Amino acid sequence: MVTGDGMDTALGGLRTRISEVEVFSSARSRRRFTTHLLVAVVALIIVTVVVRQHLAFLSDAGALRAFIRQYGFRAPLVLGVLQILQVVIAPIPGQVLAVVAGYLFGAWWGTLYNVIGITGGSTIAFWLSRRFGRAYVENIVHEEVLASFDAISDDYGRMTLFLLFLVPGLLDDVL
């Protein structure tokens, strides 16, 4: 264990290494990233407010059951579309949809409809990330910083992601 002066020396060395790291490749990249981050945060806030005000039934299992049931034979399709949206638009709670599917369609059919909807949403999310994600990051972040994140991802990323997705209730859609 490091104590006293040793701790100060260790922290000083860490501060020096951190201050030397330049994440953004230029001031223009930093401004562009900040602008995009601001737009994304505002859009997320707007979506969250809209979901809470106008689509509050999505977090109420009884109201959601009634909403889906009103579509009759098209109810599985409505459930699938809602599952796609809950994967692509993070504020929609997926756990409630899964419970409602089991209640309305039974364990086997409910699971099948959920898997189909979640697979469709995941396909869209992966396509969006492949289309825009890596190229965007590569244009903004220094190559050395990106390489260090890639190394962490290669060493620990898969197991960490597996564990985060395994635990129910975590915000795995954000990941």
N, C-alpha and C. Protein backbone atom coordinates (compact mmCIF):
# COMPACT_ATOMS: atom_id res chain seq x y z
N MET A 1 0.84 -1.17 0.00
CA MET A 1 0.00 0.00 0.00
C MET A 1 0.89 1.24 0.00
N VAL A 2 0.50 2.26 -0.74
CA VAL A 2 1.25 3.50 -0.83
C VAL A 2 0.61 4.52 0.11
N THR A 3 1.44 5.15 0.95
CA THR A 3 0.93 6.15 1.89
C THR A 3 1.79 7.39 1.86
N GLY A 4 1.27 8.48 2.38
CA GLY A 4 2.02 9.73 2.56
C GLY A 4 2.63 10.24 1.29
N ASP A 5 3.97 10.46 1.33
CA ASP A 5 4.69 11.03 0.18
C ASP A 5 4.62 10.12 -1.05
N GLY A 6 4.60 8.81 -0.82
CA GLY A 6 4.50 7.86 -1.93
C GLY A 6 3.21 8.04 -2.70
N MET A 7 2.11 8.30 -1.97
CA MET A 7 0.81 8.53 -2.60
C MET A 7 0.83 9.80 -3.42
N ASP A 8 1.45 10.87 -2.87
CA ASP A 8 1.56 12.12 -3.61
C ASP A 8 2.36 11.94 -4.89
N THR A 9 3.43 11.15 -4.82
CA THR A 9 4.26 10.90 -6.00
C THR A 9 3.47 10.12 -7.04
N ALA A 10 2.75 9.09 -6.59
CA ALA A 10 1.95 8.29 -7.52
C ALA A 10 0.87 9.13 -8.18
N LEU A 11 0.18 9.95 -7.40
CA LEU A 11 -0.86 10.82 -7.96
C LEU A 11 -0.27 11.85 -8.91
N GLY A 12 0.90 12.39 -8.56
CA GLY A 12 1.57 13.35 -9.45
C GLY A 12 1.91 12.73 -10.78
N GLY A 13 2.42 11.49 -10.75
CA GLY A 13 2.75 10.79 -12.00
C GLY A 13 1.51 10.53 -12.83
N LEU A 14 0.41 10.15 -12.16
CA LEU A 14 -0.84 9.91 -12.86
C LEU A 14 -1.37 11.19 -13.49
N ARG A 15 -1.30 12.29 -12.74
CA ARG A 15 -1.76 13.58 -13.28
C ARG A 15 -0.94 13.98 -14.51
N THR A 16 0.36 13.74 -14.46
CA THR A 16 1.22 14.09 -15.59
C THR A 16 0.83 13.27 -16.82
N ARG A 17 0.62 11.96 -16.63
CA ARG A 17 0.25 11.11 -17.77
C ARG A 17 -1.11 11.51 -18.33
N ILE A 18 -2.06 11.81 -17.46
CA ILE A 18 -3.40 12.20 -17.93
C ILE A 18 -3.35 13.53 -18.66
N SER A 19 -2.58 14.48 -18.14
CA SER A 19 -2.53 15.80 -18.78
C SER A 19 -1.86 15.73 -20.15
N GLU A 20 -1.02 14.72 -20.38
CA GLU A 20 -0.35 14.58 -21.67
C GLU A 20 -1.24 13.95 -22.73
N VAL A 21 -2.30 13.30 -22.32
CA VAL A 21 -3.18 12.62 -23.27
C VAL A 21 -4.09 13.65 -23.95
N GLU A 22 -4.07 13.64 -25.26
CA GLU A 22 -4.97 14.48 -26.03
C GLU A 22 -5.97 13.57 -26.71
N VAL A 23 -7.21 13.69 -26.29
CA VAL A 23 -8.25 12.81 -26.81
C VAL A 23 -8.66 13.23 -28.21
N PHE A 24 -8.86 14.51 -28.41
CA PHE A 24 -9.35 15.00 -29.70
C PHE A 24 -8.18 15.34 -30.61
N SER A 25 -8.35 15.06 -31.88
CA SER A 25 -7.26 15.28 -32.83
C SER A 25 -7.06 16.75 -33.16
N SER A 26 -8.07 17.59 -32.92
CA SER A 26 -7.94 19.02 -33.17
C SER A 26 -9.01 19.78 -32.40
N ALA A 27 -8.86 21.10 -32.33
CA ALA A 27 -9.88 21.92 -31.68
C ALA A 27 -11.20 21.83 -32.45
N ARG A 28 -11.11 21.72 -33.76
CA ARG A 28 -12.33 21.58 -34.58
C ARG A 28 -13.06 20.28 -34.24
N SER A 29 -12.30 19.20 -34.07
CA SER A 29 -12.91 17.93 -33.70
C SER A 29 -13.57 18.01 -32.33
N ARG A 30 -12.93 18.69 -31.39
CA ARG A 30 -13.50 18.87 -30.06
C ARG A 30 -14.81 19.65 -30.13
N ARG A 31 -14.83 20.74 -30.91
CA ARG A 31 -16.06 21.53 -31.08
C ARG A 31 -17.16 20.71 -31.75
N ARG A 32 -16.79 19.95 -32.77
CA ARG A 32 -17.78 19.14 -33.47
C ARG A 32 -18.35 18.07 -32.53
N PHE A 33 -17.49 17.43 -31.76
CA PHE A 33 -17.96 16.43 -30.80
C PHE A 33 -18.86 17.06 -29.76
N THR A 34 -18.47 18.23 -29.24
CA THR A 34 -19.28 18.91 -28.23
C THR A 34 -20.64 19.29 -28.79
N THR A 35 -20.68 19.77 -30.01
CA THR A 35 -21.95 20.10 -30.66
C THR A 35 -22.82 18.85 -30.82
N HIS A 36 -22.23 17.78 -31.31
CA HIS A 36 -22.99 16.54 -31.49
C HIS A 36 -23.47 15.98 -30.16
N LEU A 37 -22.63 16.06 -29.14
CA LEU A 37 -23.03 15.59 -27.81
C LEU A 37 -24.20 16.42 -27.28
N LEU A 38 -24.14 17.72 -27.45
CA LEU A 38 -25.22 18.59 -27.00
C LEU A 38 -26.52 18.26 -27.73
N VAL A 39 -26.45 18.07 -29.03
CA VAL A 39 -27.64 17.72 -29.81
C VAL A 39 -28.19 16.37 -29.35
N ALA A 40 -27.32 15.41 -29.11
CA ALA A 40 -27.76 14.08 -28.66
C ALA A 40 -28.41 14.15 -27.28
N VAL A 41 -27.85 14.93 -26.38
CA VAL A 41 -28.42 15.06 -25.03
C VAL A 41 -29.79 15.74 -25.11
N VAL A 42 -29.90 16.80 -25.89
CA VAL A 42 -31.19 17.49 -26.05
C VAL A 42 -32.21 16.54 -26.67
N ALA A 43 -31.81 15.78 -27.68
CA ALA A 43 -32.73 14.83 -28.31
C ALA A 43 -33.17 13.75 -27.32
N LEU A 44 -32.24 13.26 -26.50
CA LEU A 44 -32.58 12.25 -25.50
C LEU A 44 -33.55 12.81 -24.46
N ILE A 45 -33.34 14.05 -24.06
CA ILE A 45 -34.25 14.69 -23.10
C ILE A 45 -35.64 14.83 -23.71
N ILE A 46 -35.70 15.28 -24.95
CA ILE A 46 -37.00 15.44 -25.62
C ILE A 46 -37.71 14.10 -25.74
N VAL A 47 -37.00 13.06 -26.17
CA VAL A 47 -37.60 11.74 -26.30
C VAL A 47 -38.09 11.24 -24.94
N THR A 48 -37.28 11.44 -23.90
CA THR A 48 -37.67 11.01 -22.57
C THR A 48 -38.93 11.74 -22.10
N VAL A 49 -39.02 13.04 -22.32
CA VAL A 49 -40.19 13.80 -21.92
C VAL A 49 -41.42 13.34 -22.70
N VAL A 50 -41.26 13.13 -24.01
CA VAL A 50 -42.39 12.68 -24.83
C VAL A 50 -42.86 11.30 -24.37
N VAL A 51 -41.91 10.41 -24.12
CA VAL A 51 -42.27 9.06 -23.67
C VAL A 51 -43.00 9.14 -22.33
N ARG A 52 -42.49 9.94 -21.41
CA ARG A 52 -43.13 10.03 -20.09
C ARG A 52 -44.50 10.69 -20.14
N GLN A 53 -44.66 11.72 -20.98
CA GLN A 53 -45.93 12.45 -21.01
C GLN A 53 -46.98 11.75 -21.88
N HIS A 54 -46.60 11.35 -23.07
CA HIS A 54 -47.57 10.86 -24.02
C HIS A 54 -47.61 9.34 -24.14
N LEU A 55 -46.57 8.69 -23.68
CA LEU A 55 -46.52 7.23 -23.77
C LEU A 55 -46.27 6.62 -22.40
N ALA A 56 -46.85 7.21 -21.37
CA ALA A 56 -46.64 6.75 -20.00
C ALA A 56 -47.14 5.32 -19.81
N PHE A 57 -48.07 4.88 -20.64
CA PHE A 57 -48.60 3.53 -20.52
C PHE A 57 -47.51 2.48 -20.73
N LEU A 58 -46.38 2.87 -21.34
CA LEU A 58 -45.31 1.90 -21.58
C LEU A 58 -44.68 1.39 -20.28
N SER A 59 -44.81 2.13 -19.20
CA SER A 59 -44.26 1.67 -17.92
C SER A 59 -45.33 1.11 -17.00
N ASP A 60 -46.58 1.08 -17.44
CA ASP A 60 -47.68 0.53 -16.66
C ASP A 60 -48.14 -0.76 -17.34
N ALA A 61 -47.87 -1.89 -16.69
CA ALA A 61 -48.15 -3.19 -17.32
C ALA A 61 -49.62 -3.35 -17.70
N GLY A 62 -50.54 -2.91 -16.85
CA GLY A 62 -51.96 -3.04 -17.15
C GLY A 62 -52.38 -2.21 -18.35
N ALA A 63 -51.94 -0.97 -18.39
CA ALA A 63 -52.28 -0.09 -19.51
C ALA A 63 -51.63 -0.60 -20.81
N LEU A 64 -50.42 -1.10 -20.70
CA LEU A 64 -49.73 -1.62 -21.87
C LEU A 64 -50.43 -2.87 -22.41
N ARG A 65 -50.87 -3.74 -21.50
CA ARG A 65 -51.63 -4.93 -21.90
C ARG A 65 -52.88 -4.54 -22.68
N ALA A 66 -53.61 -3.55 -22.14
CA ALA A 66 -54.84 -3.10 -22.80
C ALA A 66 -54.53 -2.49 -24.17
N PHE A 67 -53.44 -1.72 -24.25
CA PHE A 67 -53.06 -1.09 -25.50
C PHE A 67 -52.75 -2.15 -26.56
N ILE A 68 -51.95 -3.14 -26.20
CA ILE A 68 -51.57 -4.17 -27.17
C ILE A 68 -52.77 -5.05 -27.51
N ARG A 69 -53.55 -5.42 -26.52
CA ARG A 69 -54.70 -6.30 -26.73
C ARG A 69 -55.72 -5.70 -27.70
N GLN A 70 -55.86 -4.37 -27.72
CA GLN A 70 -56.86 -3.74 -28.58
C GLN A 70 -56.59 -3.97 -30.07
N TYR A 71 -55.39 -4.42 -30.42
CA TYR A 71 -55.06 -4.65 -31.82
C TYR A 71 -55.43 -6.05 -32.31
N GLY A 72 -56.02 -6.85 -31.44
CA GLY A 72 -56.52 -8.16 -31.84
C GLY A 72 -55.45 -9.06 -32.43
N PHE A 73 -55.72 -9.56 -33.65
CA PHE A 73 -54.78 -10.49 -34.27
C PHE A 73 -53.45 -9.82 -34.65
N ARG A 74 -53.43 -8.48 -34.70
CA ARG A 74 -52.19 -7.75 -35.00
C ARG A 74 -51.38 -7.45 -33.74
N ALA A 75 -51.84 -7.88 -32.59
CA ALA A 75 -51.16 -7.61 -31.32
C ALA A 75 -49.70 -8.08 -31.31
N PRO A 76 -49.39 -9.28 -31.84
CA PRO A 76 -47.98 -9.68 -31.88
C PRO A 76 -47.11 -8.72 -32.70
N LEU A 77 -47.68 -8.19 -33.79
CA LEU A 77 -46.94 -7.23 -34.61
C LEU A 77 -46.70 -5.93 -33.84
N VAL A 78 -47.71 -5.46 -33.11
CA VAL A 78 -47.56 -4.24 -32.30
C VAL A 78 -46.50 -4.47 -31.23
N LEU A 79 -46.53 -5.63 -30.58
CA LEU A 79 -45.52 -5.95 -29.57
C LEU A 79 -44.14 -5.95 -30.20
N GLY A 80 -44.01 -6.55 -31.38
CA GLY A 80 -42.72 -6.57 -32.07
C GLY A 80 -42.20 -5.18 -32.39
N VAL A 81 -43.09 -4.31 -32.86
CA VAL A 81 -42.69 -2.93 -33.17
C VAL A 81 -42.26 -2.20 -31.89
N LEU A 82 -43.00 -2.40 -30.80
CA LEU A 82 -42.63 -1.78 -29.53
C LEU A 82 -41.28 -2.30 -29.04
N GLN A 83 -41.02 -3.58 -29.23
CA GLN A 83 -39.72 -4.14 -28.83
C GLN A 83 -38.60 -3.55 -29.69
N ILE A 84 -38.84 -3.39 -30.98
CA ILE A 84 -37.83 -2.77 -31.84
C ILE A 84 -37.54 -1.35 -31.35
N LEU A 85 -38.60 -0.60 -31.06
CA LEU A 85 -38.42 0.77 -30.58
C LEU A 85 -37.71 0.82 -29.24
N GLN A 86 -38.01 -0.14 -28.33
CA GLN A 86 -37.37 -0.09 -27.02
C GLN A 86 -35.88 -0.40 -27.12
N VAL A 87 -35.46 -1.13 -28.15
CA VAL A 87 -34.03 -1.37 -28.31
C VAL A 87 -33.36 -0.14 -28.92
N VAL A 88 -33.99 0.46 -29.92
CA VAL A 88 -33.39 1.58 -30.62
C VAL A 88 -33.51 2.88 -29.83
N ILE A 89 -34.61 3.08 -29.10
CA ILE A 89 -34.83 4.29 -28.31
C ILE A 89 -34.77 3.89 -26.84
N ALA A 90 -33.64 4.16 -26.21
CA ALA A 90 -33.35 3.64 -24.87
C ALA A 90 -34.38 3.94 -23.79
N PRO A 91 -35.08 5.07 -23.73
CA PRO A 91 -35.96 5.33 -22.58
C PRO A 91 -37.18 4.42 -22.48
N ILE A 92 -37.50 3.65 -23.49
CA ILE A 92 -38.66 2.76 -23.41
C ILE A 92 -38.27 1.52 -22.62
N PRO A 93 -39.00 1.18 -21.54
CA PRO A 93 -38.61 0.05 -20.68
C PRO A 93 -38.94 -1.30 -21.31
N GLY A 94 -37.93 -2.10 -21.56
CA GLY A 94 -38.11 -3.40 -22.19
C GLY A 94 -38.62 -4.48 -21.25
N GLN A 95 -38.32 -4.37 -19.96
CA GLN A 95 -38.75 -5.40 -19.02
C GLN A 95 -40.26 -5.47 -18.93
N VAL A 96 -40.93 -4.33 -18.96
CA VAL A 96 -42.39 -4.31 -18.89
C VAL A 96 -42.97 -4.98 -20.13
N LEU A 97 -42.39 -4.70 -21.29
CA LEU A 97 -42.86 -5.33 -22.53
C LEU A 97 -42.70 -6.85 -22.46
N ALA A 98 -41.62 -7.32 -21.90
CA ALA A 98 -41.40 -8.77 -21.81
C ALA A 98 -42.44 -9.43 -20.92
N VAL A 99 -42.77 -8.79 -19.79
CA VAL A 99 -43.77 -9.35 -18.89
C VAL A 99 -45.14 -9.34 -19.55
N VAL A 100 -45.48 -8.26 -20.22
CA VAL A 100 -46.78 -8.15 -20.90
C VAL A 100 -46.89 -9.21 -21.99
N ALA A 101 -45.81 -9.45 -22.73
CA ALA A 101 -45.83 -10.47 -23.78
C ALA A 101 -46.13 -11.84 -23.19
N GLY A 102 -45.50 -12.15 -22.07
CA GLY A 102 -45.77 -13.43 -21.42
C GLY A 102 -47.20 -13.53 -20.94
N TYR A 103 -47.73 -12.45 -20.42
CA TYR A 103 -49.10 -12.44 -19.92
C TYR A 103 -50.11 -12.60 -21.07
N LEU A 104 -49.89 -11.87 -22.16
CA LEU A 104 -50.86 -11.88 -23.26
C LEU A 104 -50.78 -13.14 -24.12
N PHE A 105 -49.56 -13.60 -24.37
CA PHE A 105 -49.39 -14.67 -25.36
C PHE A 105 -48.90 -15.98 -24.77
N GLY A 106 -48.62 -16.01 -23.48
CA GLY A 106 -48.08 -17.21 -22.86
C GLY A 106 -46.56 -17.21 -22.92
N ALA A 107 -45.98 -18.13 -22.20
CA ALA A 107 -44.52 -18.16 -22.07
C ALA A 107 -43.82 -18.39 -23.41
N TRP A 108 -44.28 -19.37 -24.18
CA TRP A 108 -43.58 -19.71 -25.42
C TRP A 108 -43.80 -18.67 -26.52
N TRP A 109 -45.05 -18.34 -26.80
CA TRP A 109 -45.33 -17.35 -27.85
C TRP A 109 -44.82 -15.97 -27.45
N GLY A 110 -44.99 -15.60 -26.18
CA GLY A 110 -44.49 -14.31 -25.71
C GLY A 110 -42.98 -14.20 -25.88
N THR A 111 -42.28 -15.28 -25.53
CA THR A 111 -40.82 -15.29 -25.70
C THR A 111 -40.46 -15.18 -27.17
N LEU A 112 -41.15 -15.92 -28.02
CA LEU A 112 -40.87 -15.87 -29.46
C LEU A 112 -41.09 -14.46 -30.01
N TYR A 113 -42.20 -13.83 -29.68
CA TYR A 113 -42.48 -12.48 -30.17
C TYR A 113 -41.45 -11.48 -29.64
N ASN A 114 -41.06 -11.63 -28.37
CA ASN A 114 -40.03 -10.77 -27.81
C ASN A 114 -38.71 -10.93 -28.53
N VAL A 115 -38.30 -12.17 -28.76
CA VAL A 115 -37.02 -12.43 -29.42
C VAL A 115 -37.02 -11.85 -30.83
N ILE A 116 -38.12 -12.01 -31.55
CA ILE A 116 -38.20 -11.46 -32.90
C ILE A 116 -38.07 -9.93 -32.88
N GLY A 117 -38.82 -9.28 -31.98
CA GLY A 117 -38.76 -7.81 -31.88
C GLY A 117 -37.39 -7.32 -31.44
N ILE A 118 -36.81 -7.96 -30.43
CA ILE A 118 -35.51 -7.55 -29.93
C ILE A 118 -34.43 -7.79 -30.98
N THR A 119 -34.54 -8.88 -31.72
CA THR A 119 -33.58 -9.14 -32.79
C THR A 119 -33.68 -8.08 -33.88
N GLY A 120 -34.89 -7.70 -34.24
CA GLY A 120 -35.07 -6.63 -35.23
C GLY A 120 -34.48 -5.32 -34.74
N GLY A 121 -34.76 -4.96 -33.49
CA GLY A 121 -34.20 -3.73 -32.93
C GLY A 121 -32.69 -3.77 -32.83
N SER A 122 -32.15 -4.91 -32.43
CA SER A 122 -30.69 -5.06 -32.34
C SER A 122 -30.05 -4.96 -33.71
N THR A 123 -30.69 -5.51 -34.72
CA THR A 123 -30.17 -5.41 -36.08
C THR A 123 -30.08 -3.95 -36.51
N ILE A 124 -31.12 -3.19 -36.23
CA ILE A 124 -31.11 -1.76 -36.57
C ILE A 124 -30.04 -1.03 -35.78
N ALA A 125 -29.93 -1.31 -34.47
CA ALA A 125 -28.94 -0.64 -33.63
C ALA A 125 -27.51 -0.96 -34.09
N PHE A 126 -27.25 -2.22 -34.43
CA PHE A 126 -25.91 -2.59 -34.92
C PHE A 126 -25.63 -1.94 -36.26
N TRP A 127 -26.64 -1.88 -37.13
CA TRP A 127 -26.43 -1.23 -38.42
C TRP A 127 -26.08 0.24 -38.21
N LEU A 128 -26.83 0.92 -37.34
CA LEU A 128 -26.55 2.34 -37.07
C LEU A 128 -25.14 2.53 -36.51
N SER A 129 -24.75 1.66 -35.58
CA SER A 129 -23.41 1.82 -34.99
C SER A 129 -22.32 1.51 -36.00
N ARG A 130 -22.55 0.53 -36.85
CA ARG A 130 -21.54 0.23 -37.89
C ARG A 130 -21.49 1.33 -38.94
N ARG A 131 -22.62 1.89 -39.25
CA ARG A 131 -22.68 2.94 -40.27
C ARG A 131 -22.06 4.24 -39.80
N PHE A 132 -22.34 4.62 -38.55
CA PHE A 132 -21.92 5.93 -38.06
C PHE A 132 -20.91 5.89 -36.93
N GLY A 133 -20.87 4.84 -36.14
CA GLY A 133 -20.12 4.82 -34.89
C GLY A 133 -18.62 4.91 -35.03
N ARG A 134 -17.97 3.91 -35.59
CA ARG A 134 -16.51 3.84 -35.61
C ARG A 134 -15.91 4.97 -36.45
N ALA A 135 -16.46 5.22 -37.61
CA ALA A 135 -15.93 6.27 -38.48
C ALA A 135 -15.99 7.63 -37.79
N TYR A 136 -17.08 7.88 -37.09
CA TYR A 136 -17.23 9.15 -36.37
C TYR A 136 -16.16 9.27 -35.30
N VAL A 137 -15.97 8.21 -34.53
CA VAL A 137 -14.97 8.24 -33.46
C VAL A 137 -13.57 8.38 -34.04
N GLU A 138 -13.29 7.68 -35.12
CA GLU A 138 -11.95 7.76 -35.73
C GLU A 138 -11.63 9.16 -36.24
N ASN A 139 -12.65 9.90 -36.68
CA ASN A 139 -12.43 11.26 -37.16
C ASN A 139 -12.13 12.24 -36.04
N ILE A 140 -12.53 11.91 -34.82
CA ILE A 140 -12.42 12.86 -33.72
C ILE A 140 -11.29 12.51 -32.74
N VAL A 141 -11.14 11.25 -32.41
CA VAL A 141 -10.24 10.83 -31.35
C VAL A 141 -8.86 10.50 -31.92
N HIS A 142 -7.80 10.83 -31.15
CA HIS A 142 -6.43 10.49 -31.54
C HIS A 142 -6.28 8.99 -31.71
N GLU A 143 -5.44 8.60 -32.65
CA GLU A 143 -5.24 7.18 -32.93
C GLU A 143 -4.72 6.42 -31.72
N GLU A 144 -3.80 7.05 -30.94
CA GLU A 144 -3.22 6.37 -29.78
C GLU A 144 -4.27 6.10 -28.70
N VAL A 145 -5.15 7.06 -28.48
CA VAL A 145 -6.20 6.90 -27.48
C VAL A 145 -7.17 5.81 -27.93
N LEU A 146 -7.52 5.81 -29.19
CA LEU A 146 -8.42 4.80 -29.73
C LEU A 146 -7.79 3.41 -29.62
N ALA A 147 -6.50 3.32 -29.89
CA ALA A 147 -5.80 2.04 -29.78
C ALA A 147 -5.81 1.53 -28.34
N SER A 148 -5.66 2.44 -27.37
CA SER A 148 -5.68 2.00 -25.97
C SER A 148 -7.07 1.52 -25.57
N PHE A 149 -8.14 2.19 -26.03
CA PHE A 149 -9.50 1.72 -25.76
C PHE A 149 -9.76 0.37 -26.44
N ASP A 150 -9.24 0.21 -27.64
CA ASP A 150 -9.40 -1.07 -28.34
C ASP A 150 -8.71 -2.20 -27.57
N ALA A 151 -7.53 -1.90 -27.00
CA ALA A 151 -6.80 -2.91 -26.23
C ALA A 151 -7.59 -3.30 -24.98
N ILE A 152 -8.18 -2.33 -24.31
CA ILE A 152 -9.01 -2.63 -23.14
C ILE A 152 -10.20 -3.47 -23.56
N SER A 153 -10.82 -3.10 -24.67
CA SER A 153 -11.98 -3.84 -25.17
C SER A 153 -11.60 -5.28 -25.50
N ASP A 154 -10.44 -5.46 -26.13
CA ASP A 154 -10.00 -6.81 -26.48
C ASP A 154 -9.74 -7.66 -25.25
N ASP A 155 -9.17 -7.04 -24.20
CA ASP A 155 -8.81 -7.80 -23.00
C ASP A 155 -10.00 -8.08 -22.09
N TYR A 156 -10.85 -7.07 -21.87
CA TYR A 156 -11.90 -7.20 -20.86
C TYR A 156 -13.31 -6.95 -21.39
N GLY A 157 -13.42 -6.43 -22.58
CA GLY A 157 -14.71 -5.96 -23.09
C GLY A 157 -15.76 -7.03 -23.24
N ARG A 158 -15.40 -8.14 -23.81
CA ARG A 158 -16.42 -9.17 -24.07
C ARG A 158 -17.03 -9.71 -22.78
N MET A 159 -16.18 -10.02 -21.81
CA MET A 159 -16.69 -10.57 -20.55
C MET A 159 -17.51 -9.52 -19.80
N THR A 160 -17.05 -8.28 -19.80
CA THR A 160 -17.79 -7.22 -19.11
C THR A 160 -19.15 -7.02 -19.77
N LEU A 161 -19.18 -6.94 -21.09
CA LEU A 161 -20.46 -6.77 -21.79
C LEU A 161 -21.38 -7.97 -21.54
N PHE A 162 -20.81 -9.17 -21.56
CA PHE A 162 -21.62 -10.36 -21.30
C PHE A 162 -22.27 -10.26 -19.92
N LEU A 163 -21.50 -9.89 -18.92
CA LEU A 163 -22.04 -9.79 -17.56
C LEU A 163 -23.08 -8.68 -17.44
N LEU A 164 -22.83 -7.54 -18.10
CA LEU A 164 -23.79 -6.43 -18.04
C LEU A 164 -25.10 -6.78 -18.72
N PHE A 165 -25.05 -7.53 -19.81
CA PHE A 165 -26.28 -7.92 -20.50
C PHE A 165 -26.98 -9.07 -19.79
N LEU A 166 -26.23 -9.84 -19.01
CA LEU A 166 -26.80 -10.99 -18.31
C LEU A 166 -27.68 -10.57 -17.15
N VAL A 167 -27.33 -9.46 -16.48
CA VAL A 167 -28.07 -9.01 -15.30
C VAL A 167 -29.31 -8.26 -15.75
N PRO A 168 -30.50 -8.75 -15.38
CA PRO A 168 -31.74 -8.05 -15.77
C PRO A 168 -31.86 -6.69 -15.07
N GLY A 169 -32.46 -5.75 -15.76
CA GLY A 169 -32.74 -4.44 -15.17
C GLY A 169 -31.67 -3.40 -15.43
N LEU A 170 -30.49 -3.81 -15.89
CA LEU A 170 -29.46 -2.82 -16.19
C LEU A 170 -29.80 -2.11 -17.50
N LEU A 171 -29.23 -0.96 -17.68
CA LEU A 171 -29.53 -0.18 -18.89
C LEU A 171 -28.68 -0.71 -20.06
N ASP A 172 -28.93 -1.93 -20.46
CA ASP A 172 -28.14 -2.53 -21.52
C ASP A 172 -28.40 -1.90 -22.88
N ASP A 173 -29.52 -1.25 -23.07
CA ASP A 173 -29.79 -0.59 -24.34
C ASP A 173 -28.83 0.57 -24.55
N VAL A 174 -28.49 1.26 -23.49
CA VAL A 174 -27.54 2.37 -23.60
C VAL A 174 -26.19 1.84 -24.04
N LEU A 175 -25.78 0.70 -23.48
CA LEU A 175 -24.50 0.12 -23.88
C LEU A 175 -24.52 -0.23 -25.36
